[in-house]
Amino acid sequence: TIYYADSVKGRFTISRDNAKNTVYLQMNNLKFEDTASYYCARRRGGSG
């Protein structure tokens, strides 16, 4: 299950490689407004 912020829909793609235990964020057509520090974080699914 995947969600995107409206500001990145159509430009960013999230994916995972379970074998590598890694999540990716492919960012295309980058804009000035995308400048930031990017963080990944974990949560339990179904937290509400």
ModelCIF file with pLDDT and N, C-alpha, C, O atoms, coordinates in Angstrom:
data_MODEL
#
_entry.id   MODEL 
#
_entity.id                         1 
_entity.type                       polymer 
_entity.pdbx_number_of_molecules   1 
#
_entity_poly.entity_id                      1 
_entity_poly.type                           'polypeptide(L)' 
_entity_poly.nstd_linkage                   no 
_entity_poly.nstd_monomer                   no 
_entity_poly.pdbx_seq_one_letter_code       TIYYADSVKGRFTISRDNAKNTVYLQMNNLKFEDTASYYCARRRGGSG 
_entity_poly.pdbx_seq_one_letter_code_can   TIYYADSVKGRFTISRDNAKNTVYLQMNNLKFEDTASYYCARRRGGSG 
_entity_poly.pdbx_strand_id                 A 
#
loop_
_entity_poly_seq.entity_id 
_entity_poly_seq.num 
_entity_poly_seq.mon_id 
_entity_poly_seq.hetero 
1 1  THR n 
1 2  ILE n 
1 3  TYR n 
1 4  TYR n 
1 5  ALA n 
1 6  ASP n 
1 7  SER n 
1 8  VAL n 
1 9  LYS n 
1 10 GLY n 
1 11 ARG n 
1 12 PHE n 
1 13 THR n 
1 14 ILE n 
1 15 SER n 
1 16 ARG n 
1 17 ASP n 
1 18 ASN n 
1 19 ALA n 
1 20 LYS n 
1 21 ASN n 
1 22 THR n 
1 23 VAL n 
1 24 TYR n 
1 25 LEU n 
1 26 GLN n 
1 27 MET n 
1 28 ASN n 
1 29 ASN n 
1 30 LEU n 
1 31 LYS n 
1 32 PHE n 
1 33 GLU n 
1 34 ASP n 
1 35 THR n 
1 36 ALA n 
1 37 SER n 
1 38 TYR n 
1 39 TYR n 
1 40 CYS n 
1 41 ALA n 
1 42 ARG n 
1 43 ARG n 
1 44 ARG n 
1 45 GLY n 
1 46 GLY n 
1 47 SER n 
1 48 GLY n 
#
_struct_asym.id          A 
_struct_asym.entity_id   1 
#
loop_
_ma_qa_metric.id 
_ma_qa_metric.mode 
_ma_qa_metric.name 
_ma_qa_metric.software_group_id 
_ma_qa_metric.type 
1 global pLDDT . pLDDT 
2 local  pLDDT . pLDDT 
#
_ma_qa_metric_global.metric_id      1 
_ma_qa_metric_global.metric_value   95.29 
_ma_qa_metric_global.model_id       1 
_ma_qa_metric_global.ordinal_id     1 
#
loop_
_ma_qa_metric_local.label_asym_id 
_ma_qa_metric_local.label_comp_id 
_ma_qa_metric_local.label_seq_id 
_ma_qa_metric_local.metric_id 
_ma_qa_metric_local.metric_value 
_ma_qa_metric_local.model_id 
_ma_qa_metric_local.ordinal_id 
A THR 1  2 94.00 1 1  
A ILE 2  2 97.00 1 2  
A TYR 3  2 97.00 1 3  
A TYR 4  2 98.00 1 4  
A ALA 5  2 98.00 1 5  
A ASP 6  2 98.00 1 6  
A SER 7  2 98.00 1 7  
A VAL 8  2 98.00 1 8  
A LYS 9  2 98.00 1 9  
A GLY 10 2 98.00 1 10 
A ARG 11 2 98.00 1 11 
A PHE 12 2 98.00 1 12 
A THR 13 2 98.00 1 13 
A ILE 14 2 98.00 1 14 
A SER 15 2 97.00 1 15 
A ARG 16 2 97.00 1 16 
A ASP 17 2 96.00 1 17 
A ASN 18 2 93.00 1 18 
A ALA 19 2 95.00 1 19 
A LYS 20 2 97.00 1 20 
A ASN 21 2 97.00 1 21 
A THR 22 2 97.00 1 22 
A VAL 23 2 98.00 1 23 
A TYR 24 2 98.00 1 24 
A LEU 25 2 98.00 1 25 
A GLN 26 2 98.00 1 26 
A MET 27 2 98.00 1 27 
A ASN 28 2 98.00 1 28 
A ASN 29 2 98.00 1 29 
A LEU 30 2 98.00 1 30 
A LYS 31 2 98.00 1 31 
A PHE 32 2 98.00 1 32 
A GLU 33 2 97.00 1 33 
A ASP 34 2 98.00 1 34 
A THR 35 2 98.00 1 35 
A ALA 36 2 98.00 1 36 
A SER 37 2 98.00 1 37 
A TYR 38 2 98.00 1 38 
A TYR 39 2 98.00 1 39 
A CYS 40 2 98.00 1 40 
A ALA 41 2 98.00 1 41 
A ARG 42 2 97.00 1 42 
A ARG 43 2 95.00 1 43 
A ARG 44 2 87.00 1 44 
A GLY 45 2 71.00 1 45 
A GLY 46 2 70.00 1 46 
A SER 47 2 72.00 1 47 
A GLY 48 2 86.00 1 48 
#
loop_
_atom_site.group_PDB 
_atom_site.id 
_atom_site.type_symbol 
_atom_site.label_atom_id 
_atom_site.label_alt_id 
_atom_site.label_comp_id 
_atom_site.label_asym_id 
_atom_site.label_entity_id 
_atom_site.label_seq_id 
_atom_site.pdbx_PDB_ins_code 
_atom_site.Cartn_x 
_atom_site.Cartn_y 
_atom_site.Cartn_z 
_atom_site.occupancy 
_atom_site.B_iso_or_equiv 
_atom_site.pdbx_formal_charge 
_atom_site.auth_seq_id 
_atom_site.auth_comp_id 
_atom_site.auth_asym_id 
_atom_site.auth_atom_id 
_atom_site.pdbx_PDB_model_num 
ATOM 1   N N  . THR A 1 1  ? 0.837  -1.190 0.000   1.00 94.00 ? 1  THR A N  1 
ATOM 2   C CA . THR A 1 1  ? 0.000  0.000  0.000   1.00 94.00 ? 1  THR A CA 1 
ATOM 3   C C  . THR A 1 1  ? 0.876  1.246  0.000   1.00 94.00 ? 1  THR A C  1 
ATOM 4   O O  . THR A 1 1  ? 1.822  1.346  0.782   1.00 94.00 ? 1  THR A O  1 
ATOM 5   N N  . ILE A 1 2  ? 0.563  2.192  -0.874  1.00 97.00 ? 2  ILE A N  1 
ATOM 6   C CA . ILE A 1 2  ? 1.408  3.358  -1.102  1.00 97.00 ? 2  ILE A CA 1 
ATOM 7   C C  . ILE A 1 2  ? 0.582  4.633  -1.070  1.00 97.00 ? 2  ILE A C  1 
ATOM 8   O O  . ILE A 1 2  ? -0.549 4.669  -1.556  1.00 97.00 ? 2  ILE A O  1 
ATOM 9   N N  . TYR A 1 3  ? 1.159  5.675  -0.492  1.00 97.00 ? 3  TYR A N  1 
ATOM 10  C CA . TYR A 1 3  ? 0.581  7.010  -0.514  1.00 97.00 ? 3  TYR A CA 1 
ATOM 11  C C  . TYR A 1 3  ? 1.662  8.011  -0.879  1.00 97.00 ? 3  TYR A C  1 
ATOM 12  O O  . TYR A 1 3  ? 2.847  7.807  -0.614  1.00 97.00 ? 3  TYR A O  1 
ATOM 13  N N  . TYR A 1 4  ? 1.215  9.112  -1.502  1.00 98.00 ? 4  TYR A N  1 
ATOM 14  C CA . TYR A 1 4  ? 2.102  10.215 -1.840  1.00 98.00 ? 4  TYR A CA 1 
ATOM 15  C C  . TYR A 1 4  ? 1.466  11.532 -1.442  1.00 98.00 ? 4  TYR A C  1 
ATOM 16  O O  . TYR A 1 4  ? 0.247  11.694 -1.491  1.00 98.00 ? 4  TYR A O  1 
ATOM 17  N N  . ALA A 1 5  ? 2.306  12.460 -1.052  1.00 98.00 ? 5  ALA A N  1 
ATOM 18  C CA . ALA A 1 5  ? 1.849  13.826 -0.908  1.00 98.00 ? 5  ALA A CA 1 
ATOM 19  C C  . ALA A 1 5  ? 1.484  14.384 -2.276  1.00 98.00 ? 5  ALA A C  1 
ATOM 20  O O  . ALA A 1 5  ? 2.093  14.025 -3.284  1.00 98.00 ? 5  ALA A O  1 
ATOM 21  N N  . ASP A 1 6  ? 0.492  15.258 -2.306  1.00 98.00 ? 6  ASP A N  1 
ATOM 22  C CA . ASP A 1 6  ? 0.058  15.828 -3.578  1.00 98.00 ? 6  ASP A CA 1 
ATOM 23  C C  . ASP A 1 6  ? 1.198  16.521 -4.320  1.00 98.00 ? 6  ASP A C  1 
ATOM 24  O O  . ASP A 1 6  ? 1.236  16.512 -5.551  1.00 98.00 ? 6  ASP A O  1 
ATOM 25  N N  . SER A 1 7  ? 2.106  17.109 -3.589  1.00 98.00 ? 7  SER A N  1 
ATOM 26  C CA . SER A 1 7  ? 3.179  17.874 -4.200  1.00 98.00 ? 7  SER A CA 1 
ATOM 27  C C  . SER A 1 7  ? 4.163  17.024 -4.994  1.00 98.00 ? 7  SER A C  1 
ATOM 28  O O  . SER A 1 7  ? 4.913  17.552 -5.814  1.00 98.00 ? 7  SER A O  1 
ATOM 29  N N  . VAL A 1 8  ? 4.169  15.708 -4.760  1.00 98.00 ? 8  VAL A N  1 
ATOM 30  C CA . VAL A 1 8  ? 5.139  14.849 -5.436  1.00 98.00 ? 8  VAL A CA 1 
ATOM 31  C C  . VAL A 1 8  ? 4.489  13.794 -6.320  1.00 98.00 ? 8  VAL A C  1 
ATOM 32  O O  . VAL A 1 8  ? 5.198  13.035 -6.981  1.00 98.00 ? 8  VAL A O  1 
ATOM 33  N N  . LYS A 1 9  ? 3.184  13.726 -6.349  1.00 98.00 ? 9  LYS A N  1 
ATOM 34  C CA . LYS A 1 9  ? 2.510  12.736 -7.175  1.00 98.00 ? 9  LYS A CA 1 
ATOM 35  C C  . LYS A 1 9  ? 2.893  12.905 -8.645  1.00 98.00 ? 9  LYS A C  1 
ATOM 36  O O  . LYS A 1 9  ? 2.918  14.017 -9.174  1.00 98.00 ? 9  LYS A O  1 
ATOM 37  N N  . GLY A 1 10 ? 3.184  11.799 -9.275  1.00 98.00 ? 10 GLY A N  1 
ATOM 38  C CA . GLY A 1 10 ? 3.593  11.818 -10.667 1.00 98.00 ? 10 GLY A CA 1 
ATOM 39  C C  . GLY A 1 10 ? 5.071  12.045 -10.876 1.00 98.00 ? 10 GLY A C  1 
ATOM 40  O O  . GLY A 1 10 ? 5.572  11.867 -11.986 1.00 98.00 ? 10 GLY A O  1 
ATOM 41  N N  . ARG A 1 11 ? 5.781  12.437 -9.828  1.00 98.00 ? 11 ARG A N  1 
ATOM 42  C CA . ARG A 1 11 ? 7.217  12.685 -9.931  1.00 98.00 ? 11 ARG A CA 1 
ATOM 43  C C  . ARG A 1 11 ? 8.050  11.723 -9.089  1.00 98.00 ? 11 ARG A C  1 
ATOM 44  O O  . ARG A 1 11 ? 9.142  11.327 -9.496  1.00 98.00 ? 11 ARG A O  1 
ATOM 45  N N  . PHE A 1 12 ? 7.544  11.351 -7.933  1.00 98.00 ? 12 PHE A N  1 
ATOM 46  C CA . PHE A 1 12 ? 8.272  10.478 -7.014  1.00 98.00 ? 12 PHE A CA 1 
ATOM 47  C C  . PHE A 1 12 ? 7.638  9.100  -7.005  1.00 98.00 ? 12 PHE A C  1 
ATOM 48  O O  . PHE A 1 12 ? 6.428  8.959  -7.180  1.00 98.00 ? 12 PHE A O  1 
ATOM 49  N N  . THR A 1 13 ? 8.461  8.094  -6.801  1.00 98.00 ? 13 THR A N  1 
ATOM 50  C CA . THR A 1 13 ? 7.989  6.724  -6.703  1.00 98.00 ? 13 THR A CA 1 
ATOM 51  C C  . THR A 1 13 ? 8.659  6.037  -5.528  1.00 98.00 ? 13 THR A C  1 
ATOM 52  O O  . THR A 1 13 ? 9.886  6.004  -5.436  1.00 98.00 ? 13 THR A O  1 
ATOM 53  N N  . ILE A 1 14 ? 7.860  5.493  -4.638  1.00 98.00 ? 14 ILE A N  1 
ATOM 54  C CA . ILE A 1 14 ? 8.392  4.730  -3.521  1.00 98.00 ? 14 ILE A CA 1 
ATOM 55  C C  . ILE A 1 14 ? 8.323  3.248  -3.863  1.00 98.00 ? 14 ILE A C  1 
ATOM 56  O O  . ILE A 1 14 ? 7.370  2.790  -4.495  1.00 98.00 ? 14 ILE A O  1 
ATOM 57  N N  . SER A 1 15 ? 9.326  2.514  -3.446  1.00 97.00 ? 15 SER A N  1 
ATOM 58  C CA . SER A 1 15 ? 9.367  1.091  -3.708  1.00 97.00 ? 15 SER A CA 1 
ATOM 59  C C  . SER A 1 15 ? 10.196 0.414  -2.630  1.00 97.00 ? 15 SER A C  1 
ATOM 60  O O  . SER A 1 15 ? 10.854 1.074  -1.826  1.00 97.00 ? 15 SER A O  1 
ATOM 61  N N  . ARG A 1 16 ? 10.154 -0.896 -2.625  1.00 97.00 ? 16 ARG A N  1 
ATOM 62  C CA . ARG A 1 16 ? 10.961 -1.628 -1.662  1.00 97.00 ? 16 ARG A CA 1 
ATOM 63  C C  . ARG A 1 16 ? 11.583 -2.848 -2.323  1.00 97.00 ? 16 ARG A C  1 
ATOM 64  O O  . ARG A 1 16 ? 11.052 -3.390 -3.292  1.00 97.00 ? 16 ARG A O  1 
ATOM 65  N N  . ASP A 1 17 ? 12.700 -3.262 -1.787  1.00 96.00 ? 17 ASP A N  1 
ATOM 66  C CA . ASP A 1 17 ? 13.359 -4.500 -2.167  1.00 96.00 ? 17 ASP A CA 1 
ATOM 67  C C  . ASP A 1 17 ? 13.446 -5.322 -0.892  1.00 96.00 ? 17 ASP A C  1 
ATOM 68  O O  . ASP A 1 17 ? 14.330 -5.108 -0.063  1.00 96.00 ? 17 ASP A O  1 
ATOM 69  N N  . ASN A 1 18 ? 12.536 -6.248 -0.745  1.00 93.00 ? 18 ASN A N  1 
ATOM 70  C CA . ASN A 1 18 ? 12.473 -7.012 0.496   1.00 93.00 ? 18 ASN A CA 1 
ATOM 71  C C  . ASN A 1 18 ? 13.746 -7.823 0.739   1.00 93.00 ? 18 ASN A C  1 
ATOM 72  O O  . ASN A 1 18 ? 14.171 -7.991 1.881   1.00 93.00 ? 18 ASN A O  1 
ATOM 73  N N  . ALA A 1 19 ? 14.344 -8.319 -0.327  1.00 95.00 ? 19 ALA A N  1 
ATOM 74  C CA . ALA A 1 19 ? 15.559 -9.104 -0.179  1.00 95.00 ? 19 ALA A CA 1 
ATOM 75  C C  . ALA A 1 19 ? 16.699 -8.269 0.390   1.00 95.00 ? 19 ALA A C  1 
ATOM 76  O O  . ALA A 1 19 ? 17.553 -8.784 1.112   1.00 95.00 ? 19 ALA A O  1 
ATOM 77  N N  . LYS A 1 20 ? 16.711 -6.982 0.065   1.00 97.00 ? 20 LYS A N  1 
ATOM 78  C CA . LYS A 1 20 ? 17.747 -6.084 0.567   1.00 97.00 ? 20 LYS A CA 1 
ATOM 79  C C  . LYS A 1 20 ? 17.317 -5.320 1.802   1.00 97.00 ? 20 LYS A C  1 
ATOM 80  O O  . LYS A 1 20 ? 18.094 -4.543 2.357   1.00 97.00 ? 20 LYS A O  1 
ATOM 81  N N  . ASN A 1 21 ? 16.077 -5.537 2.237   1.00 97.00 ? 21 ASN A N  1 
ATOM 82  C CA . ASN A 1 21 ? 15.561 -4.860 3.416   1.00 97.00 ? 21 ASN A CA 1 
ATOM 83  C C  . ASN A 1 21 ? 15.708 -3.344 3.279   1.00 97.00 ? 21 ASN A C  1 
ATOM 84  O O  . ASN A 1 21 ? 16.123 -2.656 4.212   1.00 97.00 ? 21 ASN A O  1 
ATOM 85  N N  . THR A 1 22 ? 15.359 -2.846 2.104   1.00 97.00 ? 22 THR A N  1 
ATOM 86  C CA . THR A 1 22 ? 15.589 -1.455 1.751   1.00 97.00 ? 22 THR A CA 1 
ATOM 87  C C  . THR A 1 22 ? 14.363 -0.869 1.065   1.00 97.00 ? 22 THR A C  1 
ATOM 88  O O  . THR A 1 22 ? 13.697 -1.540 0.278   1.00 97.00 ? 22 THR A O  1 
ATOM 89  N N  . VAL A 1 23 ? 14.077 0.385  1.374   1.00 98.00 ? 23 VAL A N  1 
ATOM 90  C CA . VAL A 1 23 ? 13.039 1.156  0.712   1.00 98.00 ? 23 VAL A CA 1 
ATOM 91  C C  . VAL A 1 23 ? 13.702 2.263  -0.089  1.00 98.00 ? 23 VAL A C  1 
ATOM 92  O O  . VAL A 1 23 ? 14.682 2.859  0.357   1.00 98.00 ? 23 VAL A O  1 
ATOM 93  N N  . TYR A 1 24 ? 13.169 2.535  -1.268  1.00 98.00 ? 24 TYR A N  1 
ATOM 94  C CA . TYR A 1 24 ? 13.721 3.553  -2.149  1.00 98.00 ? 24 TYR A CA 1 
ATOM 95  C C  . TYR A 1 24 ? 12.709 4.660  -2.394  1.00 98.00 ? 24 TYR A C  1 
ATOM 96  O O  . TYR A 1 24 ? 11.499 4.453  -2.300  1.00 98.00 ? 24 TYR A O  1 
ATOM 97  N N  . LEU A 1 25 ? 13.222 5.815  -2.703  1.00 98.00 ? 25 LEU A N  1 
ATOM 98  C CA . LEU A 1 25 ? 12.403 6.915  -3.178  1.00 98.00 ? 25 LEU A CA 1 
ATOM 99  C C  . LEU A 1 25 ? 13.051 7.457  -4.441  1.00 98.00 ? 25 LEU A C  1 
ATOM 100 O O  . LEU A 1 25 ? 14.057 8.164  -4.385  1.00 98.00 ? 25 LEU A O  1 
ATOM 101 N N  . GLN A 1 26 ? 12.465 7.119  -5.575  1.00 98.00 ? 26 GLN A N  1 
ATOM 102 C CA . GLN A 1 26 ? 12.927 7.637  -6.852  1.00 98.00 ? 26 GLN A CA 1 
ATOM 103 C C  . GLN A 1 26 ? 12.294 8.998  -7.072  1.00 98.00 ? 26 GLN A C  1 
ATOM 104 O O  . GLN A 1 26 ? 11.069 9.122  -7.085  1.00 98.00 ? 26 GLN A O  1 
ATOM 105 N N  . MET A 1 27 ? 13.112 10.010 -7.244  1.00 98.00 ? 27 MET A N  1 
ATOM 106 C CA . MET A 1 27 ? 12.649 11.381 -7.379  1.00 98.00 ? 27 MET A CA 1 
ATOM 107 C C  . MET A 1 27 ? 13.024 11.879 -8.765  1.00 98.00 ? 27 MET A C  1 
ATOM 108 O O  . MET A 1 27 ? 14.204 12.015 -9.088  1.00 98.00 ? 27 MET A O  1 
ATOM 109 N N  . ASN A 1 28 ? 12.022 12.147 -9.575  1.00 98.00 ? 28 ASN A N  1 
ATOM 110 C CA . ASN A 1 28 ? 12.218 12.647 -10.923 1.00 98.00 ? 28 ASN A CA 1 
ATOM 111 C C  . ASN A 1 28 ? 11.667 14.054 -11.047 1.00 98.00 ? 28 ASN A C  1 
ATOM 112 O O  . ASN A 1 28 ? 10.856 14.497 -10.234 1.00 98.00 ? 28 ASN A O  1 
ATOM 113 N N  . ASN A 1 29 ? 12.123 14.747 -12.080 1.00 98.00 ? 29 ASN A N  1 
ATOM 114 C CA . ASN A 1 29 ? 11.669 16.110 -12.350 1.00 98.00 ? 29 ASN A CA 1 
ATOM 115 C C  . ASN A 1 29 ? 11.728 16.969 -11.090 1.00 98.00 ? 29 ASN A C  1 
ATOM 116 O O  . ASN A 1 29 ? 10.750 17.613 -10.712 1.00 98.00 ? 29 ASN A O  1 
ATOM 117 N N  . LEU A 1 30 ? 12.873 16.964 -10.464 1.00 98.00 ? 30 LEU A N  1 
ATOM 118 C CA . LEU A 1 30 ? 13.029 17.685 -9.204  1.00 98.00 ? 30 LEU A CA 1 
ATOM 119 C C  . LEU A 1 30 ? 12.887 19.186 -9.389  1.00 98.00 ? 30 LEU A C  1 
ATOM 120 O O  . LEU A 1 30 ? 13.288 19.747 -10.408 1.00 98.00 ? 30 LEU A O  1 
ATOM 121 N N  . LYS A 1 31 ? 12.312 19.816 -8.389  1.00 98.00 ? 31 LYS A N  1 
ATOM 122 C CA . LYS A 1 31 ? 12.048 21.245 -8.392  1.00 98.00 ? 31 LYS A CA 1 
ATOM 123 C C  . LYS A 1 31 ? 12.761 21.905 -7.219  1.00 98.00 ? 31 LYS A C  1 
ATOM 124 O O  . LYS A 1 31 ? 13.165 21.239 -6.266  1.00 98.00 ? 31 LYS A O  1 
ATOM 125 N N  . PHE A 1 32 ? 12.911 23.226 -7.303  1.00 98.00 ? 32 PHE A N  1 
ATOM 126 C CA . PHE A 1 32 ? 13.533 23.962 -6.206  1.00 98.00 ? 32 PHE A CA 1 
ATOM 127 C C  . PHE A 1 32 ? 12.851 23.655 -4.874  1.00 98.00 ? 32 PHE A C  1 
ATOM 128 O O  . PHE A 1 32 ? 13.511 23.549 -3.841  1.00 98.00 ? 32 PHE A O  1 
ATOM 129 N N  . GLU A 1 33 ? 11.543 23.516 -4.905  1.00 97.00 ? 33 GLU A N  1 
ATOM 130 C CA . GLU A 1 33 ? 10.769 23.295 -3.697  1.00 97.00 ? 33 GLU A CA 1 
ATOM 131 C C  . GLU A 1 33 ? 11.040 21.945 -3.047  1.00 97.00 ? 33 GLU A C  1 
ATOM 132 O O  . GLU A 1 33 ? 10.643 21.721 -1.904  1.00 97.00 ? 33 GLU A O  1 
ATOM 133 N N  . ASP A 1 34 ? 11.704 21.049 -3.754  1.00 98.00 ? 34 ASP A N  1 
ATOM 134 C CA . ASP A 1 34 ? 12.045 19.746 -3.197  1.00 98.00 ? 34 ASP A CA 1 
ATOM 135 C C  . ASP A 1 34 ? 13.298 19.784 -2.335  1.00 98.00 ? 34 ASP A C  1 
ATOM 136 O O  . ASP A 1 34 ? 13.632 18.790 -1.690  1.00 98.00 ? 34 ASP A O  1 
ATOM 137 N N  . THR A 1 35 ? 13.987 20.901 -2.313  1.00 98.00 ? 35 THR A N  1 
ATOM 138 C CA . THR A 1 35 ? 15.194 21.026 -1.506  1.00 98.00 ? 35 THR A CA 1 
ATOM 139 C C  . THR A 1 35 ? 14.858 20.857 -0.031  1.00 98.00 ? 35 THR A C  1 
ATOM 140 O O  . THR A 1 35 ? 14.030 21.588 0.513   1.00 98.00 ? 35 THR A O  1 
ATOM 141 N N  . ALA A 1 36 ? 15.499 19.897 0.609   1.00 98.00 ? 36 ALA A N  1 
ATOM 142 C CA . ALA A 1 36 ? 15.225 19.595 2.009   1.00 98.00 ? 36 ALA A CA 1 
ATOM 143 C C  . ALA A 1 36 ? 16.143 18.467 2.458   1.00 98.00 ? 36 ALA A C  1 
ATOM 144 O O  . ALA A 1 36 ? 16.808 17.823 1.647   1.00 98.00 ? 36 ALA A O  1 
ATOM 145 N N  . SER A 1 37 ? 16.166 18.247 3.754   1.00 98.00 ? 37 SER A N  1 
ATOM 146 C CA . SER A 1 37 ? 16.722 17.018 4.292   1.00 98.00 ? 37 SER A CA 1 
ATOM 147 C C  . SER A 1 37 ? 15.631 15.959 4.272   1.00 98.00 ? 37 SER A C  1 
ATOM 148 O O  . SER A 1 37 ? 14.517 16.192 4.742   1.00 98.00 ? 37 SER A O  1 
ATOM 149 N N  . TYR A 1 38 ? 15.954 14.806 3.731   1.00 98.00 ? 38 TYR A N  1 
ATOM 150 C CA . TYR A 1 38 ? 14.988 13.726 3.599   1.00 98.00 ? 38 TYR A CA 1 
ATOM 151 C C  . TYR A 1 38 ? 15.282 12.635 4.616   1.00 98.00 ? 38 TYR A C  1 
ATOM 152 O O  . TYR A 1 38 ? 16.428 12.223 4.796   1.00 98.00 ? 38 TYR A O  1 
ATOM 153 N N  . TYR A 1 39 ? 14.237 12.180 5.268   1.00 98.00 ? 39 TYR A N  1 
ATOM 154 C CA . TYR A 1 39 ? 14.337 11.183 6.316   1.00 98.00 ? 39 TYR A CA 1 
ATOM 155 C C  . TYR A 1 39 ? 13.397 10.030 6.023   1.00 98.00 ? 39 TYR A C  1 
ATOM 156 O O  . TYR A 1 39 ? 12.301 10.231 5.500   1.00 98.00 ? 39 TYR A O  1 
ATOM 157 N N  . CYS A 1 40 ? 13.819 8.837  6.355   1.00 98.00 ? 40 CYS A N  1 
ATOM 158 C CA . CYS A 1 40 ? 12.880 7.724  6.392   1.00 98.00 ? 40 CYS A CA 1 
ATOM 159 C C  . CYS A 1 40 ? 12.609 7.357  7.838   1.00 98.00 ? 40 CYS A C  1 
ATOM 160 O O  . CYS A 1 40 ? 13.436 7.595  8.719   1.00 98.00 ? 40 CYS A O  1 
ATOM 161 N N  . ALA A 1 41 ? 11.456 6.782  8.069   1.00 98.00 ? 41 ALA A N  1 
ATOM 162 C CA . ALA A 1 41 ? 11.027 6.449  9.411   1.00 98.00 ? 41 ALA A CA 1 
ATOM 163 C C  . ALA A 1 41 ? 10.130 5.221  9.356   1.00 98.00 ? 41 ALA A C  1 
ATOM 164 O O  . ALA A 1 41 ? 9.516  4.929  8.330   1.00 98.00 ? 41 ALA A O  1 
ATOM 165 N N  . ARG A 1 42 ? 10.064 4.520  10.451  1.00 97.00 ? 42 ARG A N  1 
ATOM 166 C CA . ARG A 1 42 ? 9.252  3.311  10.495  1.00 97.00 ? 42 ARG A CA 1 
ATOM 167 C C  . ARG A 1 42 ? 8.076  3.473  11.445  1.00 97.00 ? 42 ARG A C  1 
ATOM 168 O O  . ARG A 1 42 ? 8.129  4.244  12.403  1.00 97.00 ? 42 ARG A O  1 
ATOM 169 N N  . ARG A 1 43 ? 7.028  2.740  11.162  1.00 95.00 ? 43 ARG A N  1 
ATOM 170 C CA . ARG A 1 43 ? 5.882  2.645  12.046  1.00 95.00 ? 43 ARG A CA 1 
ATOM 171 C C  . ARG A 1 43 ? 5.225  1.295  11.845  1.00 95.00 ? 43 ARG A C  1 
ATOM 172 O O  . ARG A 1 43 ? 5.370  0.665  10.797  1.00 95.00 ? 43 ARG A O  1 
ATOM 173 N N  . ARG A 1 44 ? 4.518  0.873  12.838  1.00 87.00 ? 44 ARG A N  1 
ATOM 174 C CA . ARG A 1 44 ? 3.696  -0.318 12.698  1.00 87.00 ? 44 ARG A CA 1 
ATOM 175 C C  . ARG A 1 44 ? 2.477  0.007  11.853  1.00 87.00 ? 44 ARG A C  1 
ATOM 176 O O  . ARG A 1 44 ? 1.837  1.043  12.036  1.00 87.00 ? 44 ARG A O  1 
ATOM 177 N N  . GLY A 1 45 ? 2.169  -0.873 10.941  1.00 71.00 ? 45 GLY A N  1 
ATOM 178 C CA . GLY A 1 45 ? 0.942  -0.716 10.194  1.00 71.00 ? 45 GLY A CA 1 
ATOM 179 C C  . GLY A 1 45 ? -0.255 -0.872 11.105  1.00 71.00 ? 45 GLY A C  1 
ATOM 180 O O  . GLY A 1 45 ? -0.197 -1.559 12.125  1.00 71.00 ? 45 GLY A O  1 
ATOM 181 N N  . GLY A 1 46 ? -1.345 -0.220 10.721  1.00 70.00 ? 46 GLY A N  1 
ATOM 182 C CA . GLY A 1 46 ? -2.562 -0.322 11.503  1.00 70.00 ? 46 GLY A CA 1 
ATOM 183 C C  . GLY A 1 46 ? -2.556 0.442  12.807  1.00 70.00 ? 46 GLY A C  1 
ATOM 184 O O  . GLY A 1 46 ? -3.305 0.111  13.726  1.00 70.00 ? 46 GLY A O  1 
ATOM 185 N N  . SER A 1 47 ? -1.715 1.467  12.899  1.00 72.00 ? 47 SER A N  1 
ATOM 186 C CA . SER A 1 47 ? -1.648 2.249  14.128  1.00 72.00 ? 47 SER A CA 1 
ATOM 187 C C  . SER A 1 47 ? -2.875 3.118  14.346  1.00 72.00 ? 47 SER A C  1 
ATOM 188 O O  . SER A 1 47 ? -3.144 3.544  15.470  1.00 72.00 ? 47 SER A O  1 
ATOM 189 N N  . GLY A 1 48 ? -3.624 3.383  13.278  1.00 86.00 ? 48 GLY A N  1 
ATOM 190 C CA . GLY A 1 48 ? -4.800 4.222  13.365  1.00 86.00 ? 48 GLY A CA 1 
ATOM 191 C C  . GLY A 1 48 ? -4.559 5.683  13.083  1.00 86.00 ? 48 GLY A C  1 
ATOM 192 O O  . GLY A 1 48 ? -5.493 6.483  13.130  1.00 86.00 ? 48 GLY A O  1 
#
